[in-house]
Amino acid sequence: MRVSDSRQWVRGRAVVVAVIATTVALVGPSPVAAGAALPAEVPGPDVVAPEVAGGEVVAPPAQAGAPGVDEIVSSANMRQLANIPKQAPFDGPNSFGTDAAFQGNLAFVGNYDGFVVYDIKNPRKPKIVSQVLCPGSQNDVSISGNLLFLSTDSRWSDDSCTATPQNSPALPYWEGIKIFDVSDPANPRYVKAVETDCGSHTHTLVPGKDGKSVYLYVSSYAPNVALADCQPPHDKISIVEVPVGNPAAAAVVAEPVLFPDGGNVGGGVRSATSGCHDITAYPSKDIAAGACMGDGVLFDISDRVAPRVIERVQDNVNFAFWHSATFNNEGTKVVFTDELGGGGAPTCNAATGPLRGADGIYDITGSGDDRALTFRSYFKIPRVQADTENCVAHNGSLIPVRGKDIMVQAWYQGGISVWDFTDSAKPVEIGYWERGPLSKESLVLGGSWSAYWYNGYIYSSDIQKGLDILRIVDSRLAGAGAVRFDELNVQTQPSYRR
């Protein structure tokens, strides 16, 4: 997600650890390979991120027929099992719930003001284990063994959890990666901070091949030109090496330039490329897919500190902002998302249509350095949302169904969708769950930020509503619940047996 100057919304506070006891296939004009002649843009609405202040934007009146405020609607095969609302001090409207990672019976969920550790041993009765107050935005998380990594993409006076916002371009500041020891999940311990150029909007954990280190591919870009922060060109990622036996020695070891030609120049609603938003690695196959603002990228990551771009594509017809990526299990397809409007706009409405703010499905053809990303179709939820609901394609994960390509995905206030892209050209939705708008009078930012499948259940981090746990019962998902993972970082995609 990217929202206008979100850096102003978080506040510096001390670290506190509190222990609490208790569908349709949508095929449009095909994108083109980077560098090829571009087709004329098809007409469409110029939807941009709204001006946000305090988490609320003024929007047109809600559409007739939309669910009522907070009303839950779903397909017959999906239902909610539990919800844990955001707890103080993370219960304010600007304490946005963000990304999630999993290990054993624990879920680690980011928040603009820190992170929360949940006990999910009984998915019907989850409990909060601890909350760590460490403002940073977005505070996306990943987990590896006893180490938790937290992304900070806003300017702070220092790298502590008691830092204050630093919005003056004349003063020094810090942003980057924070590392915590969570060997005792009830009492996480701050270990180390690593400053990275332009901060860390998101990061991707990539295990080293010798088991002695893990690497963090840090994605960042330039959202705040007014503060002279991270000025373009910023066509690189930062790679942080974390020695497993000595995490305090973590450091930036490489800053590979991915777009020496500058990447997509942008235009209209299309973003110019000045960094990557998110990268999904498939370590067992030595590949990664980058969603890099104006470009979709396929990497060879056989050398962990020297990823090589082997294919780039641009969609100058319908994609505005390449946001995230998901491989299928074979590593022969990639689903890219388009975060049209930056996550803060109502783009699941009739005015925007079915081809923008959608998923783009690409087959990976060829082999080695001759692999290519070949566009097949778009997918967007088939339910028109109210104009007071921010809605666009966002974070999701593969569901481990043998012989099929199925994923679950968050759509902010568009809810959660389970859909099948086994036939790349004819994706189809097989289940959904959503709440009605937070308001029918104005657009209040909310909805599912990330919806992930983990060991038989769907876990949704909702911006305003906390943690939702859902279940889908459908014969098309036969066997998925039997596939178990000990640890899951969705952007570090695991493989499962077919």
Protein backbone atom coordinates (compact mmCIF):
# COMPACT_ATOMS: atom_id res chain seq x y z
CA MET A 1 0.00 0.00 0.00
CA ARG A 2 1.12 3.57 -0.55
CA VAL A 3 -0.84 6.49 0.84
CA SER A 4 -0.19 10.22 0.54
CA ASP A 5 2.47 11.13 3.11
CA SER A 6 1.63 8.36 5.54
CA ARG A 7 4.80 9.35 7.37
CA GLN A 8 2.90 12.09 9.18
CA TRP A 9 0.47 9.69 10.82
CA VAL A 10 2.73 7.74 13.18
CA ARG A 11 4.00 8.95 16.52
CA GLY A 12 7.17 8.22 18.46
CA ARG A 13 6.54 6.15 21.59
CA ALA A 14 8.46 3.85 23.89
CA VAL A 15 8.70 0.10 23.33
CA VAL A 16 6.03 -1.67 25.35
CA VAL A 17 5.51 -5.43 25.44
CA ALA A 18 2.05 -6.28 26.76
CA VAL A 19 1.07 -9.89 27.49
CA ILE A 20 -2.66 -10.52 27.27
CA ALA A 21 -4.21 -13.64 28.72
CA THR A 22 -6.93 -14.00 27.24
CA THR A 23 -15.89 -14.42 -11.09
CA VAL A 24 -14.85 -14.12 -14.31
CA ALA A 25 -11.88 -14.33 -16.73
CA LEU A 26 -11.05 -10.80 -17.79
CA VAL A 27 -8.99 -10.59 -20.95
CA GLY A 28 -7.93 -7.21 -22.23
CA PRO A 29 -5.29 -5.76 -24.55
CA SER A 30 -2.01 -7.60 -23.99
CA PRO A 31 0.89 -5.90 -22.20
CA VAL A 32 4.22 -5.66 -24.03
CA ALA A 33 7.80 -6.58 -23.28
CA ALA A 34 9.90 -3.73 -21.91
CA GLY A 35 11.47 -1.77 -24.72
CA ALA A 36 8.89 -2.81 -27.33
CA ALA A 37 6.71 -0.29 -29.12
CA LEU A 38 3.85 0.76 -26.88
CA PRO A 39 0.22 0.57 -27.96
CA ALA A 40 -2.00 3.61 -27.59
CA GLU A 41 -3.55 3.83 -24.15
CA VAL A 42 -7.16 2.76 -24.02
CA PRO A 43 -9.55 5.39 -22.66
CA GLY A 44 -10.32 5.10 -18.99
CA PRO A 45 -10.78 7.07 -15.79
CA ASP A 46 -7.71 8.75 -14.35
CA VAL A 47 -8.00 7.25 -10.88
CA VAL A 48 -5.32 8.49 -8.51
CA ALA A 49 -4.69 8.14 -4.81
CA PRO A 50 -6.97 10.53 -2.92
CA GLU A 51 -5.61 13.16 -0.60
CA VAL A 52 -5.62 11.52 2.80
CA ALA A 53 -5.68 13.25 6.17
CA GLY A 54 -6.10 11.35 9.40
CA GLY A 55 -7.12 8.17 7.61
CA GLU A 56 -10.27 9.64 6.05
CA VAL A 57 -11.05 11.04 2.64
CA VAL A 58 -14.19 12.62 1.28
CA ALA A 59 -15.88 10.41 -1.29
CA PRO A 60 -19.07 10.38 -3.36
CA PRO A 61 -22.19 8.90 -1.75
CA ALA A 62 -22.22 5.12 -1.39
CA GLN A 63 -23.82 3.10 -4.16
CA ALA A 64 -27.22 1.59 -3.66
CA GLY A 65 -27.25 -2.14 -3.02
CA ALA A 66 -23.92 -2.32 -1.21
CA PRO A 67 -23.80 -4.21 2.11
CA GLY A 68 -24.53 -2.14 5.19
CA VAL A 69 -21.79 -0.70 7.39
CA ASP A 70 -19.78 -3.65 8.78
CA GLU A 71 -22.34 -6.12 7.39
CA ILE A 72 -20.66 -9.44 6.56
CA VAL A 73 -21.52 -11.16 3.30
CA SER A 74 -19.88 -14.22 1.79
CA SER A 75 -20.18 -17.15 -0.54
CA ALA A 76 -21.76 -20.23 1.00
CA ASN A 77 -18.42 -22.04 1.21
CA MET A 78 -16.58 -19.40 3.30
CA ARG A 79 -17.15 -18.29 6.88
CA GLN A 80 -15.42 -16.39 9.62
CA LEU A 81 -14.21 -18.43 12.61
CA ALA A 82 -12.80 -15.67 14.80
CA ASN A 83 -11.83 -12.02 15.05
CA ILE A 84 -9.52 -10.26 17.47
CA PRO A 85 -10.03 -6.50 17.28
CA LYS A 86 -7.02 -4.22 17.47
CA GLN A 87 -6.06 -3.67 21.12
CA ALA A 88 -4.67 -0.55 22.77
CA PRO A 89 -2.27 1.03 21.99
CA PHE A 90 -2.83 -0.21 18.42
CA ASP A 91 -6.55 0.54 18.32
CA GLY A 92 -6.49 4.01 16.77
CA PRO A 93 -7.75 4.66 13.23
CA ASN A 94 -4.20 5.41 12.02
CA SER A 95 -2.66 2.32 13.61
CA PHE A 96 -3.07 0.34 10.40
CA GLY A 97 -2.74 -3.44 10.48
CA THR A 98 -0.29 -4.55 7.77
CA ASP A 99 1.51 -7.71 6.66
CA ALA A 100 1.80 -11.09 8.40
CA ALA A 101 4.20 -14.02 8.83
CA PHE A 102 3.78 -17.39 10.54
CA GLN A 103 5.79 -19.89 12.55
CA GLY A 104 4.44 -22.96 14.32
CA ASN A 105 1.36 -21.91 16.27
CA LEU A 106 2.16 -18.21 16.07
CA ALA A 107 1.18 -15.40 13.71
CA PHE A 108 3.26 -12.21 13.60
CA VAL A 109 1.31 -9.25 12.25
CA GLY A 110 2.69 -5.82 11.50
CA ASN A 111 1.07 -2.53 12.42
CA TYR A 112 2.10 1.02 11.58
CA ASP A 113 2.88 1.38 15.30
CA GLY A 114 4.73 -1.93 15.84
CA PHE A 115 3.79 -5.60 15.65
CA VAL A 116 1.56 -8.15 17.40
CA VAL A 117 2.25 -11.81 18.19
CA TYR A 118 -0.83 -14.07 18.16
CA ASP A 119 -1.27 -17.63 19.43
CA ILE A 120 -3.24 -19.42 16.69
CA LYS A 121 -2.97 -22.97 18.03
CA ASN A 122 -6.77 -23.00 18.13
CA PRO A 123 -7.85 -20.93 15.11
CA ARG A 124 -11.32 -20.55 16.60
CA LYS A 125 -9.91 -19.04 19.80
CA PRO A 126 -6.78 -17.05 18.94
CA LYS A 127 -5.03 -15.06 21.68
CA ILE A 128 -2.68 -12.12 21.77
CA VAL A 129 0.69 -13.17 23.18
CA SER A 130 2.44 -9.79 23.05
CA GLN A 131 2.42 -6.38 21.41
CA VAL A 132 5.59 -4.44 20.64
CA LEU A 133 5.20 -0.70 20.29
CA CYS A 134 7.75 0.49 17.75
CA PRO A 135 6.30 3.01 15.27
CA GLY A 136 7.72 2.83 11.80
CA SER A 137 5.29 2.45 8.90
CA GLN A 138 4.67 0.09 7.26
CA ASN A 139 6.26 -2.36 9.67
CA ASP A 140 5.94 -5.29 7.28
CA VAL A 141 7.31 -8.40 8.98
CA SER A 142 9.14 -11.64 8.20
CA ILE A 143 10.31 -14.41 10.49
CA SER A 144 13.28 -16.79 10.40
CA GLY A 145 14.01 -19.02 13.38
CA ASN A 146 14.24 -16.77 16.42
CA LEU A 147 14.57 -13.58 14.36
CA LEU A 148 11.84 -11.19 13.28
CA PHE A 149 12.51 -8.45 10.73
CA LEU A 150 10.55 -5.20 10.56
CA SER A 151 10.50 -2.68 7.70
CA THR A 152 10.65 1.06 8.45
CA ASP A 153 9.80 3.38 5.56
CA SER A 154 9.46 6.73 7.28
CA ARG A 155 11.92 9.25 8.67
CA TRP A 156 12.76 9.00 12.39
CA SER A 157 15.17 10.86 14.62
CA ASP A 158 17.07 7.62 15.33
CA ASP A 159 16.74 3.84 15.05
CA SER A 160 15.16 3.27 18.46
CA CYS A 161 11.51 2.46 19.18
CA THR A 162 11.25 5.74 21.11
CA ALA A 163 12.33 7.90 18.17
CA THR A 164 10.31 10.89 17.05
CA PRO A 165 9.18 11.65 13.49
CA GLN A 166 11.78 13.59 11.54
CA ASN A 167 10.06 15.58 8.84
CA SER A 168 12.58 18.37 8.39
CA PRO A 169 14.77 17.95 5.28
CA ALA A 170 17.56 19.82 7.09
CA LEU A 171 17.96 17.29 9.92
CA PRO A 172 19.47 13.78 9.93
CA TYR A 173 17.13 10.84 10.08
CA TRP A 174 17.01 7.03 10.11
CA GLU A 175 14.94 4.44 8.23
CA GLY A 176 15.57 0.82 7.26
CA ILE A 177 15.35 -2.65 8.87
CA LYS A 178 14.91 -3.50 12.56
CA ILE A 179 15.73 -6.95 13.94
CA PHE A 180 14.10 -8.56 16.98
CA ASP A 181 14.79 -11.79 18.84
CA VAL A 182 11.45 -13.55 19.38
CA SER A 183 12.75 -16.75 20.97
CA ASP A 184 10.45 -15.76 23.84
CA PRO A 185 7.38 -14.59 21.90
CA ALA A 186 5.92 -13.03 25.04
CA ASN A 187 8.98 -10.81 25.40
CA PRO A 188 10.51 -9.90 22.02
CA ARG A 189 13.94 -8.28 22.30
CA TYR A 190 15.29 -5.55 20.01
CA VAL A 191 18.65 -6.67 18.58
CA LYS A 192 19.84 -4.46 15.75
CA ALA A 193 18.92 -1.84 13.18
CA VAL A 194 20.32 -1.58 9.65
CA GLU A 195 19.89 1.68 7.75
CA THR A 196 19.06 1.30 4.06
CA ASP A 197 18.96 3.87 1.30
CA CYS A 198 15.39 5.16 0.99
CA GLY A 199 14.29 3.03 3.92
CA SER A 200 12.41 -0.25 3.63
CA HIS A 201 8.89 -0.11 2.25
CA THR A 202 8.83 -3.90 2.12
CA HIS A 203 11.46 -6.62 2.37
CA THR A 204 11.82 -10.22 1.22
CA LEU A 205 13.64 -12.87 3.21
CA VAL A 206 15.87 -15.13 1.11
CA PRO A 207 17.73 -17.95 2.91
CA GLY A 208 21.40 -18.35 2.12
CA LYS A 209 22.49 -21.60 0.53
CA ASP A 210 24.93 -22.49 3.29
CA GLY A 211 22.42 -21.98 6.11
CA LYS A 212 24.75 -19.53 7.84
CA SER A 213 22.99 -16.35 6.72
CA VAL A 214 19.65 -15.05 5.59
CA TYR A 215 19.35 -12.16 3.16
CA LEU A 216 16.77 -9.40 3.08
CA TYR A 217 15.96 -7.90 -0.32
CA VAL A 218 14.84 -4.41 0.67
CA SER A 219 12.37 -2.70 -1.68
CA SER A 220 11.96 1.05 -1.54
CA TYR A 221 11.08 3.95 -3.77
CA ALA A 222 10.54 7.71 -3.65
CA PRO A 223 7.08 8.70 -2.36
CA ASN A 224 8.07 11.91 -0.61
CA VAL A 225 9.90 14.26 -2.93
CA ALA A 226 8.94 17.29 -0.82
CA LEU A 227 11.22 16.12 1.99
CA ALA A 228 14.15 15.57 -0.37
CA ASP A 229 13.97 11.96 0.78
CA CYS A 230 15.05 9.25 -1.60
CA GLN A 231 15.27 11.31 -4.74
CA PRO A 232 15.03 9.49 -8.06
CA PRO A 233 16.76 7.85 -9.75
CA HIS A 234 16.51 5.02 -7.23
CA ASP A 235 16.69 2.01 -9.50
CA LYS A 236 18.18 -0.43 -7.03
CA ILE A 237 17.40 -2.64 -4.05
CA SER A 238 19.44 -2.98 -0.87
CA ILE A 239 20.52 -6.47 0.22
CA VAL A 240 21.07 -6.98 3.95
CA GLU A 241 22.99 -10.04 5.10
CA VAL A 242 22.06 -11.34 8.56
CA PRO A 243 24.43 -13.94 10.03
CA VAL A 244 22.15 -16.42 11.78
CA GLY A 245 24.60 -16.95 14.63
CA ASN A 246 25.35 -13.26 15.07
CA PRO A 247 22.39 -11.11 13.95
CA ALA A 248 23.98 -8.03 15.55
CA ALA A 249 26.49 -8.15 12.67
CA ALA A 250 23.77 -7.62 10.04
CA ALA A 251 24.78 -5.16 7.34
CA VAL A 252 24.07 -4.03 3.79
CA VAL A 253 26.29 -6.13 1.51
CA ALA A 254 25.04 -5.14 -1.95
CA GLU A 255 22.92 -2.53 -3.75
CA PRO A 256 22.34 -3.96 -7.24
CA VAL A 257 20.94 -1.56 -9.83
CA LEU A 258 18.01 -3.27 -11.52
CA PHE A 259 17.07 -0.60 -14.04
CA PRO A 260 20.20 1.00 -15.52
CA ASP A 261 17.99 2.40 -18.29
CA GLY A 262 15.69 4.07 -15.75
CA GLY A 263 12.77 1.70 -16.13
CA ASN A 264 9.27 2.72 -17.15
CA VAL A 265 8.99 6.48 -17.66
CA GLY A 266 5.34 6.45 -16.60
CA GLY A 267 2.64 8.84 -17.74
CA GLY A 268 -1.04 9.39 -16.98
CA VAL A 269 -1.98 7.06 -14.11
CA ARG A 270 1.03 4.83 -14.80
CA SER A 271 3.87 5.04 -12.30
CA ALA A 272 7.40 5.71 -13.40
CA THR A 273 9.87 3.15 -12.08
CA SER A 274 12.02 4.57 -9.30
CA GLY A 275 12.45 1.42 -7.21
CA CYS A 276 10.55 -1.77 -6.39
CA HIS A 277 7.47 -2.08 -4.25
CA ASP A 278 7.72 -5.78 -3.51
CA ILE A 279 9.69 -8.86 -4.50
CA THR A 280 8.58 -12.48 -4.11
CA ALA A 281 11.40 -15.01 -4.03
CA TYR A 282 11.13 -18.71 -4.88
CA PRO A 283 14.44 -19.82 -3.34
CA SER A 284 14.19 -23.53 -4.19
CA LYS A 285 13.96 -22.58 -7.87
CA ASP A 286 16.49 -19.70 -7.67
CA ILE A 287 14.02 -17.21 -9.12
CA ALA A 288 12.19 -14.12 -7.91
CA ALA A 289 9.47 -11.86 -9.30
CA GLY A 290 9.66 -8.13 -8.74
CA ALA A 291 6.70 -5.75 -8.76
CA CYS A 292 8.56 -2.55 -9.45
CA MET A 293 6.13 0.34 -9.90
CA GLY A 294 6.12 0.54 -13.71
CA ASP A 295 7.77 -2.81 -14.44
CA GLY A 296 7.20 -6.50 -13.81
CA VAL A 297 10.49 -8.34 -13.45
CA LEU A 298 11.78 -11.92 -13.38
CA PHE A 299 15.12 -12.47 -11.60
CA ASP A 300 17.68 -15.22 -11.39
CA ILE A 301 18.76 -15.30 -7.70
CA SER A 302 21.14 -18.26 -7.82
CA ASP A 303 23.75 -15.80 -6.51
CA ARG A 304 21.89 -14.38 -3.52
CA VAL A 305 23.84 -11.10 -3.42
CA ALA A 306 23.80 -10.54 -7.18
CA PRO A 307 20.24 -11.05 -8.52
CA ARG A 308 20.08 -10.77 -12.29
CA VAL A 309 17.14 -9.40 -14.28
CA ILE A 310 16.34 -11.95 -16.99
CA GLU A 311 12.98 -10.55 -18.12
CA ARG A 312 11.01 -7.30 -17.81
CA VAL A 313 7.49 -6.50 -18.96
CA GLN A 314 5.37 -3.36 -18.90
CA ASP A 315 1.61 -2.99 -19.15
CA ASN A 316 1.09 0.53 -20.39
CA VAL A 317 -2.56 -0.11 -21.12
CA ASN A 318 -4.12 -1.12 -17.81
CA PHE A 319 -1.52 -1.38 -15.02
CA ALA A 320 -0.84 1.75 -12.95
CA PHE A 321 1.41 0.45 -10.14
CA TRP A 322 3.02 -3.01 -10.10
CA HIS A 323 2.60 -3.92 -6.43
CA SER A 324 3.20 -7.61 -5.58
CA ALA A 325 3.71 -11.05 -7.11
CA THR A 326 2.78 -14.71 -6.52
CA PHE A 327 4.24 -17.75 -8.29
CA ASN A 328 2.37 -20.99 -8.86
CA ASN A 329 3.96 -24.06 -7.29
CA GLU A 330 5.79 -25.14 -10.45
CA GLY A 331 7.28 -21.69 -10.92
CA THR A 332 5.74 -21.53 -14.40
CA LYS A 333 3.35 -18.64 -13.74
CA VAL A 334 3.34 -15.31 -11.92
CA VAL A 335 0.33 -13.32 -10.75
CA PHE A 336 1.19 -9.61 -10.52
CA THR A 337 -1.12 -7.12 -8.79
CA ASP A 338 -1.90 -3.57 -9.85
CA GLU A 339 -2.45 -1.26 -6.87
CA LEU A 340 -4.27 1.41 -8.85
CA GLY A 341 -4.92 4.43 -6.62
CA GLY A 342 -2.27 3.35 -4.10
CA GLY A 343 -4.70 1.40 -1.93
CA GLY A 344 -6.61 4.50 -0.92
CA ALA A 345 -9.13 4.78 -3.75
CA PRO A 346 -12.45 3.07 -4.62
CA THR A 347 -11.32 1.30 -7.81
CA CYS A 348 -13.64 -1.73 -7.62
CA ASN A 349 -16.50 0.40 -8.94
CA ALA A 350 -18.26 0.52 -12.26
CA ALA A 351 -16.42 3.66 -13.33
CA THR A 352 -13.02 1.96 -13.10
CA GLY A 353 -14.14 -1.24 -14.81
CA PRO A 354 -12.82 -4.81 -14.73
CA LEU A 355 -9.33 -4.38 -16.24
CA ARG A 356 -7.75 -1.79 -13.91
CA GLY A 357 -6.73 -2.37 -10.32
CA ALA A 358 -6.72 -6.08 -11.16
CA ASP A 359 -4.36 -9.05 -11.23
CA GLY A 360 -2.31 -9.80 -14.31
CA ILE A 361 -1.58 -13.49 -14.97
CA TYR A 362 1.66 -14.31 -16.79
CA ASP A 363 3.04 -17.64 -17.95
CA ILE A 364 6.80 -18.14 -17.68
CA THR A 365 7.93 -19.64 -20.97
CA GLY A 366 11.34 -20.77 -22.15
CA SER A 367 14.27 -21.74 -19.94
CA GLY A 368 17.38 -20.26 -18.37
CA ASP A 369 18.15 -16.72 -19.43
CA ASP A 370 15.69 -17.11 -22.31
CA ARG A 371 12.69 -17.28 -19.97
CA ALA A 372 9.93 -14.82 -20.83
CA LEU A 373 6.82 -13.47 -19.09
CA THR A 374 3.86 -14.00 -21.39
CA PHE A 375 0.60 -12.23 -20.55
CA ARG A 376 -2.53 -14.40 -20.43
CA SER A 377 -5.40 -12.56 -18.72
CA TYR A 378 -6.62 -10.28 -15.93
CA PHE A 379 -8.64 -11.17 -12.86
CA LYS A 380 -10.68 -8.81 -10.73
CA ILE A 381 -13.36 -9.53 -8.13
CA PRO A 382 -16.75 -9.54 -9.87
CA ARG A 383 -18.57 -7.63 -7.11
CA VAL A 384 -18.92 -3.87 -7.59
CA GLN A 385 -17.98 -2.07 -4.38
CA ALA A 386 -19.28 1.17 -2.90
CA ASP A 387 -17.56 4.45 -3.68
CA THR A 388 -16.79 4.78 0.04
CA GLU A 389 -14.68 1.59 0.01
CA ASN A 390 -11.00 1.60 -0.85
CA CYS A 391 -10.63 -1.52 -2.97
CA VAL A 392 -7.92 -2.83 -5.29
CA ALA A 393 -5.84 -5.98 -5.79
CA HIS A 394 -3.53 -6.52 -2.82
CA ASN A 395 -1.59 -9.20 -0.91
CA GLY A 396 -2.41 -12.88 -1.24
CA SER A 397 -0.85 -16.34 -1.20
CA LEU A 398 -0.99 -19.64 -3.01
CA ILE A 399 -3.25 -22.35 -1.57
CA PRO A 400 -1.45 -25.73 -1.76
CA VAL A 401 -3.90 -27.68 -3.91
CA ARG A 402 -2.32 -30.52 -5.83
CA GLY A 403 -2.76 -30.26 -9.57
CA LYS A 404 -4.29 -26.76 -9.45
CA ASP A 405 -3.23 -23.12 -9.17
CA ILE A 406 -5.46 -21.46 -6.57
CA MET A 407 -4.80 -18.47 -4.36
CA VAL A 408 -6.44 -16.38 -1.68
CA GLN A 409 -6.15 -12.62 -1.93
CA ALA A 410 -6.96 -9.43 -0.03
CA TRP A 411 -8.82 -6.60 -1.75
CA TYR A 412 -8.95 -4.08 1.12
CA GLN A 413 -12.65 -3.26 1.65
CA GLY A 414 -13.44 -5.50 -1.31
CA GLY A 415 -12.79 -8.33 1.14
CA ILE A 416 -11.12 -11.68 0.55
CA SER A 417 -11.31 -13.69 -2.66
CA VAL A 418 -10.33 -17.29 -3.38
CA TRP A 419 -9.77 -17.85 -7.09
CA ASP A 420 -8.44 -20.44 -9.52
CA PHE A 421 -5.92 -19.58 -12.26
CA THR A 422 -5.09 -23.15 -13.32
CA ASP A 423 -6.18 -22.07 -16.79
CA SER A 424 -4.15 -18.86 -17.08
CA ALA A 425 -6.50 -17.47 -19.69
CA LYS A 426 -9.70 -18.21 -17.75
CA PRO A 427 -9.36 -17.45 -14.04
CA VAL A 428 -12.48 -17.92 -11.94
CA GLU A 429 -13.47 -17.02 -8.38
CA ILE A 430 -14.57 -19.92 -6.18
CA GLY A 431 -15.27 -18.15 -2.88
CA TYR A 432 -15.35 -14.76 -1.16
CA TRP A 433 -15.92 -13.02 2.18
CA GLU A 434 -16.25 -9.30 2.91
CA ARG A 435 -17.52 -6.64 5.28
CA GLY A 436 -19.59 -3.73 4.19
CA PRO A 437 -18.04 -0.25 4.14
CA LEU A 438 -16.71 1.35 7.30
CA SER A 439 -18.84 4.37 6.41
CA LYS A 440 -21.51 5.20 3.85
CA GLU A 441 -20.79 8.92 4.02
CA SER A 442 -17.02 9.12 3.56
CA LEU A 443 -14.16 6.85 2.58
CA VAL A 444 -12.37 5.61 5.71
CA LEU A 445 -9.28 3.54 4.92
CA GLY A 446 -9.77 -0.07 5.93
CA GLY A 447 -10.23 -3.64 4.82
CA SER A 448 -8.00 -6.66 4.41
CA TRP A 449 -4.35 -5.72 3.85
CA SER A 450 -3.10 -9.31 3.59
CA ALA A 451 -5.07 -12.55 3.30
CA TYR A 452 -2.90 -15.67 3.55
CA TRP A 453 -3.46 -19.42 3.69
CA TYR A 454 -1.57 -21.13 6.51
CA ASN A 455 -2.02 -24.77 7.50
CA GLY A 456 -5.68 -25.08 6.57
CA TYR A 457 -7.02 -21.63 7.44
CA ILE A 458 -7.13 -18.12 5.99
CA TYR A 459 -5.65 -15.35 8.13
CA SER A 460 -6.52 -11.77 7.25
CA SER A 461 -4.80 -8.71 8.68
CA ASP A 462 -7.46 -6.01 8.53
CA ILE A 463 -6.33 -2.38 8.59
CA GLN A 464 -8.99 -1.39 11.13
CA LYS A 465 -10.62 -4.60 12.41
CA GLY A 466 -7.60 -6.58 13.58
CA LEU A 467 -7.08 -10.28 12.83
CA ASP A 468 -9.76 -12.31 11.06
CA ILE A 469 -9.54 -16.10 10.75
CA LEU A 470 -11.66 -17.81 8.10
CA ARG A 471 -12.23 -21.21 6.63
CA ILE A 472 -13.31 -22.26 3.17
CA VAL A 473 -14.79 -25.73 2.61
CA ASP A 474 -14.83 -26.65 -1.05
CA SER A 475 -14.11 -29.86 -2.93
CA ARG A 476 -11.86 -27.92 -5.30
CA LEU A 477 -9.44 -27.41 -2.40
CA ALA A 478 -9.22 -31.11 -1.52
CA GLY A 479 -5.95 -31.97 0.21
CA ALA A 480 -4.85 -28.38 0.86
CA GLY A 481 -5.39 -28.67 4.60
CA ALA A 482 -3.02 -31.63 4.80
CA VAL A 483 -0.06 -29.57 3.55
CA ARG A 484 1.71 -28.16 6.60
CA PHE A 485 4.43 -25.55 6.92
CA ASP A 486 6.56 -24.95 10.01
CA GLU A 487 7.22 -21.37 8.91
CA LEU A 488 5.70 -19.14 6.27
CA ASN A 489 6.79 -15.81 4.86
CA VAL A 490 4.54 -15.43 1.84
CA GLN A 491 7.10 -13.38 -0.09
CA THR A 492 9.56 -16.27 0.44
CA GLN A 493 7.49 -18.76 -1.45
CA PRO A 494 7.78 -22.40 -0.32
CA SER A 495 7.30 -25.44 -2.52
CA TYR A 496 4.98 -28.34 -1.77
CA ARG A 497 4.69 -31.76 -3.33
CA ARG A 498 2.11 -32.25 -6.03
